[in-house]
Each structure stands twice: as structure tokens, then as C-alpha cells.
Amino acid sequence: MYPQYPYFGIKEKCEAVPITFPPQCQSRQPGLEYLLVPRPISENPQSLGSDKLRGRVAIITGGDSGIGRAVAYAFAKEGANIAIAYYDEHYDAEETRERINELGQHCILLPGDLRNECQAYLVVEETMRSFGRLDILVNNHGIQFTQQTILDISAEQLDATFRTNVFAFFYMIKAALPYMCPHSSIINTASVTAYQGQKDLIDYSSTKGAIVSLTRSLSLSLEQEHIRVNAVAPGPIWTPLNPSAGYPAEYIETFGTNTPMKRAGQPFEVAPAYVYLASDDSRYVSGQVIHVNGGIITES
């Protein structure tokens, strides 16, 4: 049995956070959350919300699972309605929608390939048709494939990684901007690898560096429109992305233990950073990156 780290708060109300995980891998990307052992912790049961996003509408790409699911739950607790854009992980997506409905908010599911620019416009159009407004865009989806050297990265892999992790962010932003009013918020998911690099994730790390530069440049571009653009750079977080990246199953046993906190994070531990950046609490914040990485020191 994997070790447990008792989290804060009232013991009987909080799940234990695992320090390590049993060996496992998945043969497809994107990965599937319902197959993970143990399941990621997507929701902090002690967080009740305080109407910080009441009446607002958010699009969350990759919101079916992992960090995106946790952000969707946190936004719903703050009063937002949610549109989830995802690829084809239908079981995970339905599970996420069901929980958002239980939280008293509305959720629509929009499956499709965001590498196709037309899909981005479809996502925005369906969101506007369902909710009539768009206040928050969270670009969160991504893929990664481990390779030992740059010589092993095929042209096909390089194209797929950049089209998914970077091009699709551009497509979503272009589709959403005409509907976003002053004081709206765009939040991009970057990564600690943008700052530290990772020798077996060269193309993935490169896309995350591009996302940091996109965030900074776009924030300057949209300053006069009063639309804020920020990013979150997670460290190792227990999501379907990791067992599906092509690592040996045994790699997962020590996933995240090289951080100062000696464990991987859980999705619900990242979500509050997105709530902050989406809400008026961060009205004087743009072009910034929040690092949620277990204590890893990075240079911004």
C-alpha cells in the first residue's frame, strides 16, 4: 500500500494525500483519470466558496480530468457556470459534469480536437449559445511524450506536441477574445519544466516556455482592453498526463518525490491559484506566473 501524508484540517473530512503511487502506465494519450490508482483528489471538502465568480462563465480546456477538473470544481463552488472542452475522454467528462451539477452550477461538454482551429470557434460559439457570456478562458489541455534524446523526437511527435500545447492555445484565445469584456481573465497552464527544463521532455518543455512568453506578450497586447492574462506553472501533479507519457510503470512509484516537499501535488492543491487569477482579487495582476510546485525554487 502506498504511504499516506495526512493533509491539513479535520481528519475525518479530508482524504489522505499519497506520497508515492503504485506502478502503472496507460497506452493512450490523453490519459484517463478513472483508471488511475489511486484516483487524484480533485476537490477540497473544506472549501465552500465565497461567490467570487458568481454569475460568470468559464471555458476550461482539458477540464474533464486532472488540474482542469479541479479548477472546474473550484470555479463552480465560486458560482461560475462551466464549458468543458476536451478531446474524447467521455467517461471522465461526464463524471465532472455530474459533480458540477451537484454543486448547483451548469456545465456543458464540448468534445473535439482543438488542434483544429474550427473546433476552437465551435467551443466558443456553443458557450455563448448556452450561457450568453464569456468571462474566463482557461487554456489547460496538453500532451507529453517522453524521449531519451532529441534524436528520438519524430517530426510527427513534434508537430502533435506544438499543435496541441501551443497552437490550440492561440486558436482558443482568438476565438474567445471578441466575446470577452473588460475585466475578463485568460489563464494559461504552463509548467515548472518551462523554467527548469527536463531532459526527457524536450519538446513538451519547449511548449511550456512558449506558453510563458505568450502569457507575457498577450498581457501587454490586451492591456488597453483591460483583459488580464496570467499563467499557473504546476510542478509534479498527480493527473492522467503522467502515466500516459510513455514512462515505465515503475517511474510512477517515485513521481514527485524529488521536490522539497517530497511528494507530488494533488489537483485540488493547484486550483486555488486559478480562482485567484480568475477573480477580482487579482485585478492588479497581469502577465504573471504563479508557481505551484511543492517548493521548487525557480527564476521567473
Protein backbone atom coordinates (compact mmCIF):
# COMPACT_ATOMS: atom_id res chain seq x y z
CA MET A 1 0.00 0.00 0.00
CA TYR A 2 1.33 3.44 -0.88
CA PRO A 3 2.28 5.75 2.03
CA GLN A 4 -0.15 8.46 3.04
CA TYR A 5 0.53 12.06 4.01
CA PRO A 6 -2.22 13.40 6.33
CA TYR A 7 -3.40 16.70 4.92
CA PHE A 8 -4.48 19.79 6.87
CA GLY A 9 -7.79 20.22 8.66
CA ILE A 10 -10.30 17.96 10.31
CA LYS A 11 -9.05 14.42 9.86
CA GLU A 12 -12.40 12.77 9.18
CA LYS A 13 -13.27 15.32 6.48
CA CYS A 14 -10.08 15.20 4.43
CA GLU A 15 -8.65 12.45 2.28
CA ALA A 16 -5.03 11.50 2.84
CA VAL A 17 -2.60 12.73 0.20
CA PRO A 18 -0.43 9.92 -1.17
CA ILE A 19 3.35 10.33 -1.02
CA THR A 20 4.01 7.63 -3.62
CA PHE A 21 1.93 5.67 -6.11
CA PRO A 22 1.78 2.06 -7.30
CA PRO A 23 3.42 1.30 -10.68
CA GLN A 24 1.10 1.96 -13.62
CA CYS A 25 1.00 3.26 -17.15
CA GLN A 26 -1.58 3.93 -19.84
CA SER A 27 -1.14 3.22 -23.53
CA ARG A 28 -3.07 6.23 -24.82
CA GLN A 29 -2.78 9.98 -24.63
CA PRO A 30 -4.68 11.84 -23.30
CA GLY A 31 -4.82 9.57 -20.29
CA LEU A 32 -7.96 8.55 -18.44
CA GLU A 33 -8.49 9.62 -14.85
CA TYR A 34 -10.93 6.87 -13.93
CA LEU A 35 -8.16 4.30 -14.48
CA LEU A 36 -5.66 5.91 -12.09
CA VAL A 37 -4.77 4.20 -8.80
CA PRO A 38 -5.35 6.00 -6.53
CA ARG A 39 -7.74 8.49 -8.05
CA PRO A 40 -6.49 12.10 -7.97
CA ILE A 41 -8.04 14.32 -5.31
CA SER A 42 -9.94 16.95 -7.28
CA GLU A 43 -11.82 18.73 -4.54
CA ASN A 44 -11.01 20.12 -1.10
CA PRO A 45 -14.05 19.21 1.01
CA GLN A 46 -13.35 22.11 3.38
CA SER A 47 -13.51 24.73 0.61
CA LEU A 48 -17.06 26.05 0.39
CA GLY A 49 -16.52 29.04 -1.91
CA SER A 50 -17.49 32.66 -1.36
CA ASP A 51 -19.20 33.76 -4.60
CA LYS A 52 -16.01 35.20 -6.10
CA LEU A 53 -17.16 34.14 -9.59
CA ARG A 54 -20.93 34.38 -9.14
CA GLY A 55 -22.70 34.74 -12.49
CA ARG A 56 -19.56 34.35 -14.58
CA VAL A 57 -18.90 31.82 -17.33
CA ALA A 58 -15.63 29.96 -17.86
CA ILE A 59 -14.29 27.80 -20.66
CA ILE A 60 -11.79 25.25 -19.35
CA THR A 61 -9.90 23.19 -21.91
CA GLY A 62 -8.90 19.78 -20.63
CA GLY A 63 -11.50 20.29 -17.91
CA ASP A 64 -12.60 16.66 -17.92
CA SER A 65 -9.82 15.48 -15.59
CA GLY A 66 -6.66 16.37 -13.70
CA ILE A 67 -5.97 20.03 -12.99
CA GLY A 68 -8.78 21.11 -15.32
CA ARG A 69 -11.35 19.10 -13.36
CA ALA A 70 -10.15 20.55 -10.06
CA VAL A 71 -10.35 24.08 -11.49
CA ALA A 72 -13.87 23.38 -12.76
CA TYR A 73 -14.98 22.25 -9.29
CA ALA A 74 -13.36 25.25 -7.62
CA PHE A 75 -14.94 27.66 -10.11
CA ALA A 76 -18.34 26.03 -9.63
CA LYS A 77 -18.06 26.45 -5.86
CA GLU A 78 -17.43 30.14 -6.50
CA GLY A 79 -20.62 30.41 -8.57
CA ALA A 80 -19.40 30.09 -12.16
CA ASN A 81 -21.01 28.10 -14.96
CA ILE A 82 -18.57 25.97 -16.91
CA ALA A 83 -17.96 24.90 -20.52
CA ILE A 84 -15.51 22.00 -20.70
CA ALA A 85 -13.60 21.47 -23.94
CA TYR A 86 -11.91 18.09 -24.11
CA TYR A 87 -10.75 15.51 -26.66
CA ASP A 88 -12.56 12.17 -26.23
CA GLU A 89 -12.37 11.20 -22.54
CA HIS A 90 -16.15 10.97 -22.30
CA TYR A 91 -16.44 8.97 -19.06
CA ASP A 92 -14.21 11.41 -17.19
CA ALA A 93 -16.05 14.37 -18.67
CA GLU A 94 -19.49 13.07 -17.69
CA GLU A 95 -18.26 12.44 -14.17
CA THR A 96 -17.01 16.04 -13.98
CA ARG A 97 -20.26 17.47 -15.31
CA GLU A 98 -22.29 15.45 -12.81
CA ARG A 99 -20.30 16.86 -9.89
CA ILE A 100 -20.61 20.44 -11.18
CA ASN A 101 -24.36 19.97 -11.39
CA GLU A 102 -24.37 18.66 -7.81
CA LEU A 103 -22.60 21.86 -6.80
CA GLY A 104 -25.54 23.81 -8.20
CA GLN A 105 -23.93 25.13 -11.40
CA HIS A 106 -24.45 24.40 -15.08
CA CYS A 107 -21.88 22.61 -17.23
CA ILE A 108 -21.74 21.81 -20.93
CA LEU A 109 -19.35 19.31 -22.53
CA LEU A 110 -17.71 20.11 -25.85
CA PRO A 111 -15.62 17.20 -27.19
CA GLY A 112 -13.33 17.65 -30.17
CA ASP A 113 -9.79 18.19 -31.39
CA LEU A 114 -8.58 21.69 -30.52
CA ARG A 115 -5.66 21.30 -32.92
CA ASN A 116 -8.31 22.15 -35.50
CA GLU A 117 -8.91 25.92 -35.38
CA CYS A 118 -12.56 25.44 -36.32
CA GLN A 119 -13.11 23.45 -33.13
CA ALA A 120 -11.99 26.41 -31.03
CA TYR A 121 -14.59 28.64 -32.67
CA LEU A 122 -17.22 25.92 -32.18
CA VAL A 123 -16.41 25.73 -28.45
CA VAL A 124 -16.83 29.48 -28.04
CA GLU A 125 -20.00 29.62 -30.13
CA GLU A 126 -21.62 26.82 -28.13
CA THR A 127 -20.62 28.50 -24.88
CA MET A 128 -22.20 31.77 -25.98
CA ARG A 129 -25.32 29.95 -27.17
CA SER A 130 -25.70 28.20 -23.82
CA PHE A 131 -24.73 30.97 -21.41
CA GLY A 132 -24.75 34.25 -23.35
CA ARG A 133 -21.42 35.46 -22.00
CA LEU A 134 -17.76 34.53 -21.55
CA ASP A 135 -15.67 35.89 -18.68
CA ILE A 136 -12.83 33.42 -18.16
CA LEU A 137 -10.76 31.32 -20.55
CA VAL A 138 -8.53 28.64 -19.03
CA ASN A 139 -6.16 27.07 -21.56
CA ASN A 140 -5.17 23.94 -19.72
CA HIS A 141 -5.06 20.92 -22.04
CA GLY A 142 -1.78 19.36 -23.08
CA ILE A 143 0.13 16.24 -24.08
CA GLN A 144 3.65 14.97 -23.43
CA PHE A 145 5.72 12.08 -24.76
CA THR A 146 8.96 11.09 -23.09
CA GLN A 147 12.02 10.53 -25.31
CA GLN A 148 15.59 9.89 -24.22
CA THR A 149 17.21 12.28 -26.71
CA ILE A 150 16.15 14.92 -29.21
CA LEU A 151 17.12 12.45 -31.94
CA ASP A 152 14.17 10.28 -30.88
CA ILE A 153 11.61 13.07 -31.32
CA SER A 154 9.99 12.48 -34.68
CA ALA A 155 8.59 15.25 -36.84
CA GLU A 156 5.14 13.80 -36.18
CA GLN A 157 5.59 13.97 -32.39
CA LEU A 158 6.99 17.50 -32.54
CA ASP A 159 4.07 18.65 -34.65
CA ALA A 160 1.49 16.99 -32.39
CA THR A 161 3.01 18.44 -29.22
CA PHE A 162 3.21 22.01 -30.51
CA ARG A 163 -0.20 21.90 -32.21
CA THR A 164 -1.82 20.64 -29.01
CA ASN A 165 0.09 22.64 -26.40
CA VAL A 166 0.67 25.94 -28.24
CA PHE A 167 -1.31 26.31 -31.47
CA ALA A 168 -4.58 25.34 -29.77
CA PHE A 169 -3.99 28.00 -27.09
CA PHE A 170 -3.71 30.62 -29.86
CA TYR A 171 -6.85 29.28 -31.53
CA MET A 172 -8.87 29.42 -28.31
CA ILE A 173 -7.70 32.93 -27.50
CA LYS A 174 -8.53 34.21 -30.99
CA ALA A 175 -11.98 32.63 -30.85
CA ALA A 176 -12.77 33.89 -27.34
CA LEU A 177 -11.47 37.46 -27.43
CA PRO A 178 -14.34 39.04 -29.41
CA TYR A 179 -16.74 37.97 -26.64
CA MET A 180 -14.62 38.90 -23.62
CA CYS A 181 -15.45 42.19 -21.92
CA PRO A 182 -13.15 44.43 -19.87
CA HIS A 183 -12.04 42.77 -16.61
CA SER A 184 -12.22 39.30 -18.16
CA SER A 185 -9.39 36.88 -17.49
CA ILE A 186 -7.27 34.48 -19.55
CA ILE A 187 -5.29 31.87 -17.63
CA ASN A 188 -2.76 29.56 -19.31
CA THR A 189 -1.32 26.40 -17.80
CA ALA A 190 2.47 26.43 -18.07
CA SER A 191 4.82 24.11 -16.14
CA VAL A 192 7.87 24.03 -13.93
CA THR A 193 9.63 22.50 -16.96
CA ALA A 194 9.48 25.90 -18.67
CA TYR A 195 11.95 27.14 -16.03
CA GLN A 196 13.98 24.05 -15.15
CA GLY A 197 13.77 22.05 -18.36
CA GLN A 198 13.51 18.27 -18.37
CA LYS A 199 15.92 16.15 -20.34
CA ASP A 200 13.38 13.52 -21.43
CA LEU A 201 10.58 16.03 -22.21
CA ILE A 202 12.40 18.42 -24.56
CA ASP A 203 9.50 19.23 -26.88
CA TYR A 204 6.98 19.44 -24.04
CA SER A 205 9.23 21.75 -22.02
CA SER A 206 9.70 23.92 -25.12
CA THR A 207 5.95 24.34 -25.49
CA LYS A 208 5.62 25.37 -21.86
CA GLY A 209 8.32 28.01 -22.35
CA ALA A 210 6.32 29.26 -25.32
CA ILE A 211 3.22 29.50 -23.12
CA VAL A 212 5.08 31.68 -20.61
CA SER A 213 6.14 34.05 -23.40
CA LEU A 214 2.64 34.01 -24.87
CA THR A 215 1.22 34.97 -21.47
CA ARG A 216 3.58 37.89 -21.02
CA SER A 217 3.24 39.24 -24.55
CA LEU A 218 -0.54 38.86 -24.68
CA SER A 219 -0.93 40.63 -21.34
CA LEU A 220 0.81 43.67 -22.83
CA SER A 221 -1.25 43.44 -26.01
CA LEU A 222 -4.56 43.37 -24.12
CA GLU A 223 -3.70 45.99 -21.52
CA GLN A 224 -5.87 48.68 -23.11
CA GLU A 225 -8.80 46.25 -23.33
CA HIS A 226 -8.44 45.64 -19.56
CA ILE A 227 -8.30 41.88 -20.10
CA ARG A 228 -5.81 40.25 -17.76
CA VAL A 229 -3.59 37.37 -18.90
CA ASN A 230 -1.70 35.19 -16.43
CA ALA A 231 -0.42 31.65 -16.06
CA VAL A 232 -0.01 28.90 -13.50
CA ALA A 233 3.13 26.74 -13.60
CA PRO A 234 2.47 23.48 -11.75
CA GLY A 235 5.17 21.11 -10.63
CA PRO A 236 4.53 17.35 -10.50
CA ILE A 237 0.79 16.91 -10.02
CA TRP A 238 -0.96 13.52 -9.95
CA THR A 239 -3.03 13.53 -13.15
CA PRO A 240 -3.58 11.19 -16.13
CA LEU A 241 -0.85 13.07 -18.04
CA ASN A 242 1.95 11.27 -16.23
CA PRO A 243 1.12 7.54 -16.52
CA SER A 244 0.30 8.10 -20.20
CA ALA A 245 3.54 9.90 -21.16
CA GLY A 246 5.44 6.74 -22.04
CA TYR A 247 7.42 6.26 -18.84
CA PRO A 248 7.95 2.74 -17.46
CA ALA A 249 5.28 1.78 -14.96
CA GLU A 250 7.87 1.85 -12.16
CA TYR A 251 8.60 5.54 -12.77
CA ILE A 252 5.31 6.42 -11.10
CA GLU A 253 6.49 4.90 -7.79
CA THR A 254 8.76 7.90 -7.17
CA PHE A 255 6.80 10.56 -9.07
CA GLY A 256 7.11 13.90 -7.30
CA THR A 257 9.38 12.70 -4.51
CA ASN A 258 12.28 14.83 -5.79
CA THR A 259 10.50 18.05 -4.77
CA PRO A 260 11.39 19.79 -1.48
CA MET A 261 8.03 18.59 -0.11
CA LYS A 262 8.94 15.01 -1.12
CA ARG A 263 5.64 14.24 -2.81
CA ALA A 264 3.56 15.02 -5.87
CA GLY A 265 0.79 17.55 -5.57
CA GLN A 266 -2.89 16.85 -5.98
CA PRO A 267 -5.09 18.76 -8.47
CA PHE A 268 -7.12 20.44 -5.73
CA GLU A 269 -3.92 21.99 -4.40
CA VAL A 270 -3.40 23.85 -7.69
CA ALA A 271 -6.97 25.01 -8.28
CA PRO A 272 -6.97 27.98 -5.83
CA ALA A 273 -4.33 29.72 -7.95
CA TYR A 274 -6.76 29.70 -10.88
CA VAL A 275 -9.58 31.02 -8.71
CA TYR A 276 -7.36 33.89 -7.61
CA LEU A 277 -6.38 34.77 -11.18
CA ALA A 278 -9.97 34.50 -12.42
CA SER A 279 -11.47 36.67 -9.68
CA ASP A 280 -11.33 40.35 -8.83
CA ASP A 281 -8.84 39.52 -6.09
CA SER A 282 -6.16 39.69 -8.81
CA ARG A 283 -7.44 42.79 -10.60
CA TYR A 284 -3.94 44.37 -10.40
CA VAL A 285 -2.18 41.23 -11.68
CA SER A 286 -1.37 40.55 -15.34
CA GLY A 287 1.49 38.99 -17.23
CA GLN A 288 2.47 36.91 -14.19
CA VAL A 289 3.08 33.23 -13.49
CA ILE A 290 2.09 31.57 -10.20
CA HIS A 291 4.28 28.60 -9.29
CA VAL A 292 2.56 25.71 -7.51
CA ASN A 293 5.30 23.11 -7.39
CA GLY A 294 6.00 21.69 -3.94
CA GLY A 295 8.70 24.21 -3.03
CA ILE A 296 10.88 24.11 -6.14
CA ILE A 297 12.71 27.44 -6.47
CA THR A 298 12.53 28.87 -9.98
CA GLU A 299 13.69 32.09 -11.57
CA SER A 300 10.75 33.96 -13.07
